[in-house]
C-alpha atoms as a PDB file:
ATOM      1  CA  MET A   1     165.546  53.565 -13.567  1.00  0.00           C
ATOM      2  CA  ASN A   2     165.102  50.509 -15.647  1.00  0.00           C
ATOM      3  CA  SER A   3     165.460  50.606 -19.526  1.00  0.00           C
ATOM      4  CA  ILE A   4     162.293  50.466 -21.793  1.00  0.00           C
ATOM      5  CA  HIS A   5     163.758  47.232 -22.830  1.00  0.00           C
ATOM      6  CA  ASP A   6     163.900  45.941 -19.294  1.00  0.00           C
ATOM      7  CA  LEU A   7     160.281  47.095 -18.874  1.00  0.00           C
ATOM      8  CA  GLN A   8     159.092  45.380 -22.033  1.00  0.00           C
ATOM      9  CA  GLU A   9     160.526  42.159 -20.812  1.00  0.00           C
ATOM     10  CA  ARG A  10     158.542  42.518 -17.709  1.00  0.00           C
ATOM     11  CA  ILE A  11     155.376  43.139 -19.254  1.00  0.00           C
ATOM     12  CA  ALA A  12     156.047  40.155 -21.777  1.00  0.00           C
ATOM     13  CA  ALA A  13     156.438  38.176 -18.818  1.00  0.00           C
ATOM     14  CA  VAL A  14     152.829  39.397 -17.502  1.00  0.00           C
ATOM     15  CA  LEU A  15     151.057  38.937 -20.726  1.00  0.00           C
ATOM     16  CA  ALA A  16     152.531  35.245 -20.940  1.00  0.00           C
ATOM     17  CA  LEU A  17     151.096  34.026 -17.696  1.00  0.00           C
ATOM     18  CA  ALA A  18     147.762  32.967 -18.700  1.00  0.00           C
ATOM     19  CA  PRO A  19     145.623  33.827 -22.333  1.00  0.00           C
ATOM     20  CA  VAL A  20     143.103  35.880 -20.492  1.00  0.00           C
ATOM     21  CA  VAL A  21     143.766  39.199 -18.245  1.00  0.00           C
ATOM     22  CA  PRO A  22     140.518  39.586 -16.061  1.00  0.00           C
ATOM     23  CA  VAL A  23     139.624  43.312 -16.307  1.00  0.00           C
ATOM     24  CA  LEU A  24     137.924  43.983 -12.992  1.00  0.00           C
ATOM     25  CA  VAL A  25     135.786  46.914 -11.758  1.00  0.00           C
ATOM     26  CA  ILE A  26     135.654  46.662  -8.034  1.00  0.00           C
ATOM     27  CA  ASP A  27     133.329  48.648  -6.209  1.00  0.00           C
ATOM     28  CA  GLU A  28     133.581  47.086  -2.739  1.00  0.00           C
ATOM     29  CA  LEU A  29     136.931  46.646  -0.884  1.00  0.00           C
ATOM     30  CA  ALA A  30     135.679  43.358   0.820  1.00  0.00           C
ATOM     31  CA  HIS A  31     135.469  41.593  -2.693  1.00  0.00           C
ATOM     32  CA  ALA A  32     138.988  42.181  -3.861  1.00  0.00           C
ATOM     33  CA  VAL A  33     140.838  39.548  -2.074  1.00  0.00           C
ATOM     34  CA  PRO A  34     138.270  36.860  -2.524  1.00  0.00           C
ATOM     35  CA  LEU A  35     137.935  37.754  -6.080  1.00  0.00           C
ATOM     36  CA  ALA A  36     141.299  37.375  -6.821  1.00  0.00           C
ATOM     37  CA  ARG A  37     142.039  34.494  -5.194  1.00  0.00           C
ATOM     38  CA  ALA A  38     139.437  32.571  -6.996  1.00  0.00           C
ATOM     39  CA  LEU A  39     140.905  33.916 -10.198  1.00  0.00           C
ATOM     40  CA  VAL A  40     144.619  32.720  -9.423  1.00  0.00           C
ATOM     41  CA  ALA A  41     142.963  29.467  -8.118  1.00  0.00           C
ATOM     42  CA  GLY A  42     141.200  29.266 -11.489  1.00  0.00           C
ATOM     43  CA  GLY A  43     144.662  29.552 -13.318  1.00  0.00           C
ATOM     44  CA  LEU A  44     144.606  33.607 -14.088  1.00  0.00           C
ATOM     45  CA  PRO A  45     147.246  35.005 -11.979  1.00  0.00           C
ATOM     46  CA  ALA A  46     147.397  38.496 -13.895  1.00  0.00           C
ATOM     47  CA  ILE A  47     144.701  40.640 -12.907  1.00  0.00           C
ATOM     48  CA  GLU A  48     144.145  44.117 -14.007  1.00  0.00           C
ATOM     49  CA  VAL A  49     141.956  46.545 -11.613  1.00  0.00           C
ATOM     50  CA  THR A  50     140.586  49.353 -13.404  1.00  0.00           C
ATOM     51  CA  LEU A  51     140.922  52.946 -11.693  1.00  0.00           C
ATOM     52  CA  ARG A  52     136.939  53.581 -12.296  1.00  0.00           C
ATOM     53  CA  THR A  53     136.160  53.222  -8.528  1.00  0.00           C
ATOM     54  CA  PRO A  54     137.043  55.411  -5.384  1.00  0.00           C
ATOM     55  CA  VAL A  55     138.376  51.818  -3.796  1.00  0.00           C
ATOM     56  CA  ALA A  56     140.369  50.617  -6.769  1.00  0.00           C
ATOM     57  CA  LEU A  57     143.939  51.331  -5.300  1.00  0.00           C
ATOM     58  CA  ASP A  58     143.093  49.938  -2.092  1.00  0.00           C
ATOM     59  CA  ALA A  59     142.028  47.017  -3.796  1.00  0.00           C
ATOM     60  CA  VAL A  60     145.080  46.676  -5.559  1.00  0.00           C
ATOM     61  CA  ARG A  61     146.999  47.048  -2.195  1.00  0.00           C
ATOM     62  CA  ALA A  62     144.966  44.588  -0.563  1.00  0.00           C
ATOM     63  CA  ILE A  63     145.378  42.061  -3.642  1.00  0.00           C
ATOM     64  CA  ALA A  64     149.111  42.650  -3.612  1.00  0.00           C
ATOM     65  CA  ASN A  65     149.791  42.214   0.261  1.00  0.00           C
ATOM     66  CA  GLU A  66     147.354  39.305   0.656  1.00  0.00           C
ATOM     67  CA  VAL A  67     146.886  37.074  -2.723  1.00  0.00           C
ATOM     68  CA  GLU A  68     149.892  34.702  -3.457  1.00  0.00           C
ATOM     69  CA  GLY A  69     150.676  34.265  -6.914  1.00  0.00           C
ATOM     70  CA  ALA A  70     148.989  37.451  -8.025  1.00  0.00           C
ATOM     71  CA  ALA A  71     150.387  39.679 -10.667  1.00  0.00           C
ATOM     72  CA  VAL A  72     148.141  42.610 -10.011  1.00  0.00           C
ATOM     73  CA  GLY A  73     148.292  45.933 -12.272  1.00  0.00           C
ATOM     74  CA  VAL A  74     146.127  49.028 -12.666  1.00  0.00           C
ATOM     75  CA  GLY A  75     143.962  49.684 -15.614  1.00  0.00           C
ATOM     76  CA  SER A  76     142.165  52.850 -17.037  1.00  0.00           C
ATOM     77  CA  VAL A  77     145.474  54.888 -16.275  1.00  0.00           C
ATOM     78  CA  ARG A  78     144.971  58.202 -17.975  1.00  0.00           C
ATOM     79  CA  ARG A  79     147.177  60.715 -15.885  1.00  0.00           C
ATOM     80  CA  PRO A  80     150.901  60.755 -15.160  1.00  0.00           C
ATOM     81  CA  ALA A  81     149.767  60.816 -11.743  1.00  0.00           C
ATOM     82  CA  ASP A  82     148.438  57.426 -11.948  1.00  0.00           C
ATOM     83  CA  PHE A  83     151.543  55.786 -12.414  1.00  0.00           C
ATOM     84  CA  ALA A  84     153.452  56.693  -8.857  1.00  0.00           C
ATOM     85  CA  ALA A  85     149.787  56.074  -7.432  1.00  0.00           C
ATOM     86  CA  ALA A  86     149.800  52.281  -8.602  1.00  0.00           C
ATOM     87  CA  GLN A  87     153.381  52.001  -7.906  1.00  0.00           C
ATOM     88  CA  LYS A  88     152.909  52.986  -4.205  1.00  0.00           C
ATOM     89  CA  ALA A  89     149.838  50.624  -4.088  1.00  0.00           C
ATOM     90  CA  GLY A  90     151.966  47.619  -5.050  1.00  0.00           C
ATOM     91  CA  ALA A  91     150.632  47.234  -8.685  1.00  0.00           C
ATOM     92  CA  THR A  92     153.313  45.261 -10.993  1.00  0.00           C
ATOM     93  CA  PHE A  93     152.191  46.777 -14.095  1.00  0.00           C
ATOM     94  CA  ALA A  94     150.061  49.504 -15.533  1.00  0.00           C
ATOM     95  CA  VAL A  95     147.434  49.734 -18.504  1.00  0.00           C
ATOM     96  CA  SER A  96     145.761  52.257 -20.579  1.00  0.00           C
ATOM     97  CA  PRO A  97     142.922  52.764 -23.170  1.00  0.00           C
ATOM     98  CA  GLY A  98     145.121  54.991 -25.180  1.00  0.00           C
ATOM     99  CA  ALA A  99     148.609  56.782 -24.950  1.00  0.00           C
ATOM    100  CA  SER A 100     148.608  60.697 -24.805  1.00  0.00           C
ATOM    101  CA  ALA A 101     151.923  62.543 -25.043  1.00  0.00           C
ATOM    102  CA  SER A 102     151.790  63.218 -21.274  1.00  0.00           C
ATOM    103  CA  LEU A 103     151.276  59.485 -20.741  1.00  0.00           C
ATOM    104  CA  ILE A 104     154.365  58.448 -22.791  1.00  0.00           C
ATOM    105  CA  ALA A 105     156.411  61.180 -21.227  1.00  0.00           C
ATOM    106  CA  ALA A 106     155.474  60.190 -17.729  1.00  0.00           C
ATOM    107  CA  ALA A 107     156.290  56.316 -18.447  1.00  0.00           C
ATOM    108  CA  GLN A 108     159.862  57.096 -19.379  1.00  0.00           C
ATOM    109  CA  CYS A 109     160.339  58.305 -15.613  1.00  0.00           C
ATOM    110  CA  THR A 110     158.678  55.281 -13.837  1.00  0.00           C
ATOM    111  CA  ASP A 111     159.889  51.725 -13.373  1.00  0.00           C
ATOM    112  CA  LEU A 112     156.260  50.271 -13.633  1.00  0.00           C
ATOM    113  CA  PRO A 113     155.917  48.334 -16.863  1.00  0.00           C
ATOM    114  CA  TRP A 114     153.169  49.699 -19.020  1.00  0.00           C
ATOM    115  CA  LEU A 115     150.973  48.455 -21.630  1.00  0.00           C
ATOM    116  CA  PRO A 116     149.415  51.519 -23.637  1.00  0.00           C
ATOM    117  CA  GLY A 117     146.405  51.199 -25.549  1.00  0.00           C
ATOM    118  CA  ALA A 118     146.517  51.744 -29.538  1.00  0.00           C
ATOM    119  CA  ALA A 119     143.561  51.553 -31.999  1.00  0.00           C
ATOM    120  CA  THR A 120     145.372  52.449 -35.165  1.00  0.00           C
ATOM    121  CA  ALA A 121     148.355  51.789 -37.287  1.00  0.00           C
ATOM    122  CA  SER A 122     149.470  55.466 -36.639  1.00  0.00           C
ATOM    123  CA  GLU A 123     149.325  55.051 -32.889  1.00  0.00           C
ATOM    124  CA  ALA A 124     150.893  51.649 -32.971  1.00  0.00           C
ATOM    125  CA  MET A 125     153.673  53.087 -34.744  1.00  0.00           C
ATOM    126  CA  THR A 126     154.373  55.992 -32.752  1.00  0.00           C
ATOM    127  CA  LEU A 127     154.613  53.609 -29.625  1.00  0.00           C
ATOM    128  CA  ALA A 128     156.800  51.429 -31.555  1.00  0.00           C
ATOM    129  CA  ASP A 129     159.258  54.408 -32.011  1.00  0.00           C
ATOM    130  CA  GLN A 130     159.296  54.754 -28.433  1.00  0.00           C
ATOM    131  CA  GLY A 131     160.381  51.472 -27.805  1.00  0.00           C
ATOM    132  CA  TYR A 132     157.093  49.548 -27.233  1.00  0.00           C
ATOM    133  CA  ARG A 133     156.313  46.106 -28.617  1.00  0.00           C
ATOM    134  CA  TYR A 134     153.600  45.306 -26.464  1.00  0.00           C
ATOM    135  CA  LEU A 135     150.266  47.327 -26.782  1.00  0.00           C
ATOM    136  CA  LYS A 136     146.819  47.177 -25.944  1.00  0.00           C
ATOM    137  CA  PHE A 137     144.286  47.016 -28.960  1.00  0.00           C
ATOM    138  CA  PHE A 138     140.866  48.660 -27.319  1.00  0.00           C
ATOM    139  CA  PRO A 139     138.201  48.710 -28.446  1.00  0.00           C
ATOM    140  CA  ALA A 140     138.901  45.601 -30.238  1.00  0.00           C
ATOM    141  CA  GLU A 141     135.633  44.584 -31.371  1.00  0.00           C
ATOM    142  CA  SER A 142     134.555  47.826 -32.483  1.00  0.00           C
ATOM    143  CA  ILE A 143     137.686  48.855 -34.367  1.00  0.00           C
ATOM    144  CA  GLY A 144     137.964  45.926 -36.801  1.00  0.00           C
ATOM    145  CA  GLY A 145     138.526  42.780 -34.638  1.00  0.00           C
ATOM    146  CA  THR A 146     140.700  39.925 -35.603  1.00  0.00           C
ATOM    147  CA  GLY A 147     140.368  41.270 -39.135  1.00  0.00           C
ATOM    148  CA  ALA A 148     142.352  44.593 -37.896  1.00  0.00           C
ATOM    149  CA  LEU A 149     144.595  42.627 -36.000  1.00  0.00           C
ATOM    150  CA  ARG A 150     145.688  40.339 -38.686  1.00  0.00           C
ATOM    151  CA  GLY A 151     145.944  43.626 -40.964  1.00  0.00           C
ATOM    152  CA  LEU A 152     148.436  45.374 -38.681  1.00  0.00           C
ATOM    153  CA  GLY A 153     150.264  41.993 -38.195  1.00  0.00           C
ATOM    154  CA  GLY A 154     151.732  42.344 -41.740  1.00  0.00           C
ATOM    155  CA  PRO A 155     153.207  45.768 -41.957  1.00  0.00           C
ATOM    156  CA  LEU A 156     154.183  45.794 -37.922  1.00  0.00           C
ATOM    157  CA  PRO A 157     155.103  42.076 -37.553  1.00  0.00           C
ATOM    158  CA  GLU A 158     157.253  42.819 -34.327  1.00  0.00           C
ATOM    159  CA  LEU A 159     154.318  44.323 -32.238  1.00  0.00           C
ATOM    160  CA  ARG A 160     152.031  42.285 -29.938  1.00  0.00           C
ATOM    161  CA  PHE A 161     148.691  43.370 -28.811  1.00  0.00           C
ATOM    162  CA  CYS A 162     146.529  42.350 -25.772  1.00  0.00           C
ATOM    163  CA  ALA A 163     142.970  42.712 -27.313  1.00  0.00           C
ATOM    164  CA  THR A 164     140.469  44.112 -25.191  1.00  0.00           C
ATOM    165  CA  GLY A 165     136.750  45.122 -25.521  1.00  0.00           C
ATOM    166  CA  GLY A 166     133.876  43.104 -26.406  1.00  0.00           C
ATOM    167  CA  ILE A 167     135.477  40.013 -26.087  1.00  0.00           C
ATOM    168  CA  GLY A 168     134.202  36.960 -24.467  1.00  0.00           C
ATOM    169  CA  PRO A 169     134.258  33.202 -24.219  1.00  0.00           C
ATOM    170  CA  ASP A 170     132.809  32.933 -27.881  1.00  0.00           C
ATOM    171  CA  ASN A 171     135.377  34.967 -29.716  1.00  0.00           C
ATOM    172  CA  ALA A 172     138.538  34.890 -27.643  1.00  0.00           C
ATOM    173  CA  PRO A 173     139.832  31.705 -29.265  1.00  0.00           C
ATOM    174  CA  GLN A 174     139.447  33.631 -32.833  1.00  0.00           C
ATOM    175  CA  TYR A 175     142.030  36.350 -31.202  1.00  0.00           C
ATOM    176  CA  LEU A 176     144.306  33.926 -29.433  1.00  0.00           C
ATOM    177  CA  ALA A 177     144.861  32.268 -32.710  1.00  0.00           C
ATOM    178  CA  LEU A 178     146.530  35.229 -33.969  1.00  0.00           C
ATOM    179  CA  ALA A 179     150.357  35.178 -33.912  1.00  0.00           C
ATOM    180  CA  ASN A 180     150.201  38.942 -32.779  1.00  0.00           C
ATOM    181  CA  VAL A 181     148.008  38.258 -29.643  1.00  0.00           C
ATOM    182  CA  PRO A 182     149.670  36.585 -26.676  1.00  0.00           C
ATOM    183  CA  CYS A 183     146.747  37.222 -24.637  1.00  0.00           C
ATOM    184  CA  VAL A 184     143.231  38.949 -24.563  1.00  0.00           C
ATOM    185  CA  GLY A 185     141.557  41.232 -21.596  1.00  0.00           C
ATOM    186  CA  GLY A 186     137.923  40.710 -20.518  1.00  0.00           C
ATOM    187  CA  SER A 187     135.452  40.629 -17.351  1.00  0.00           C
ATOM    188  CA  TRP A 188     133.278  37.755 -18.409  1.00  0.00           C
ATOM    189  CA  VAL A 189     135.244  35.715 -15.793  1.00  0.00           C
ATOM    190  CA  CYS A 190     133.877  37.781 -12.971  1.00  0.00           C
ATOM    191  CA  PRO A 191     130.153  38.463 -13.734  1.00  0.00           C
ATOM    192  CA  PRO A 192     128.744  41.333 -11.308  1.00  0.00           C
ATOM    193  CA  ALA A 193     125.939  39.276 -10.188  1.00  0.00           C
ATOM    194  CA  ALA A 194     128.764  36.363  -8.988  1.00  0.00           C
ATOM    195  CA  VAL A 195     130.712  39.094  -7.348  1.00  0.00           C
ATOM    196  CA  GLN A 196     127.939  40.516  -5.582  1.00  0.00           C
ATOM    197  CA  ALA A 197     126.643  37.164  -4.442  1.00  0.00           C
ATOM    198  CA  GLY A 198     130.065  36.121  -3.082  1.00  0.00           C
ATOM    199  CA  ASP A 199     130.173  33.200  -5.705  1.00  0.00           C
ATOM    200  CA  TRP A 200     133.861  32.580  -5.744  1.00  0.00           C
ATOM    201  CA  ALA A 201     133.460  29.194  -7.014  1.00  0.00           C
ATOM    202  CA  GLN A 202     131.554  30.355 -10.050  1.00  0.00           C
ATOM    203  CA  ILE A 203     134.407  32.673 -10.384  1.00  0.00           C
ATOM    204  CA  GLU A 204     136.994  30.239 -10.114  1.00  0.00           C
ATOM    205  CA  THR A 205     135.252  27.644 -12.549  1.00  0.00           C
ATOM    206  CA  LEU A 206     134.914  30.580 -15.385  1.00  0.00           C
ATOM    207  CA  ALA A 207     138.556  31.559 -14.672  1.00  0.00           C
ATOM    208  CA  ARG A 208     139.518  28.056 -15.220  1.00  0.00           C
ATOM    209  CA  ALA A 209     137.842  27.603 -18.294  1.00  0.00           C
ATOM    210  CA  ALA A 210     139.375  30.808 -19.715  1.00  0.00           C
ATOM    211  CA  SER A 211     142.787  29.657 -18.543  1.00  0.00           C
ATOM    212  CA  GLN A 212     142.280  26.751 -20.978  1.00  0.00           C
ATOM    213  CA  LEU A 213     141.808  28.534 -24.136  1.00  0.00           C
ATOM    214  CA  ARG A 214     143.978  27.938 -26.911  1.00  0.00           C
ATOM    215  CA  ARG A 215     147.065  30.401 -27.591  1.00  0.00           C
END
C-alpha cells in the first residue's frame, strides 16, 4: 500500500499535466474514445469521467485501454466502493465533490490517488490533518471564487486547489493566476452539441486553446 505522501505526489503529477482538467459526462460509450483522443491531441491529457451515467466505468476502461497519452480518472466519487470500481476500470485518479468520513477512511485503503473536495476552511483543514495537500475547490464560483481561494491561501499556504464549478474560458485565467491553483476543472472544452455531432475537431480546437491558458 502506497503512503499518503506517495499518493499525493501522484495526484500532483496529474494536476501538473495541463492547466485544465476536462470534466466529462459521457452518455454514449461510443463517444468516449474519440472524445478523449481529441482532448489529448489538444493538449489536455488529464481527463475526469464523472460517475453520473451508466456507461461511465466502461468509458473509463475504453479510454484507459485505447487512448495513448491519456491520464483518465473518475469524478463524482461518493461511495467507498467507487474506489475499487474505478481502479478496476483502469482509472489513474479519483475526484470527489466533498469528503465524507467514510470516503476518507476508504481512501486510506486504496492505492488510487484521490482529490477530495473542500468548500470551507474547516473542510480543508480536516483533510490537511489526514495528509492531503491537493484538494478540489467545489463549487468554486458559488462559494466565493477567486476571492475565497485567495483568502484560504493566507492561513493554509501549503494547500493547492483544483477549482471546479462555474469555470469557463473567461474566468479560468483569474483562477490560474493564483499561487494555490495549479489547474481548474471544467466542461466547456466538450460542449454537448459538439459531442453529439461527433465534431471532434471543434473539441480539439477548444482543448488546444485551454491548454495555452496561463498558469
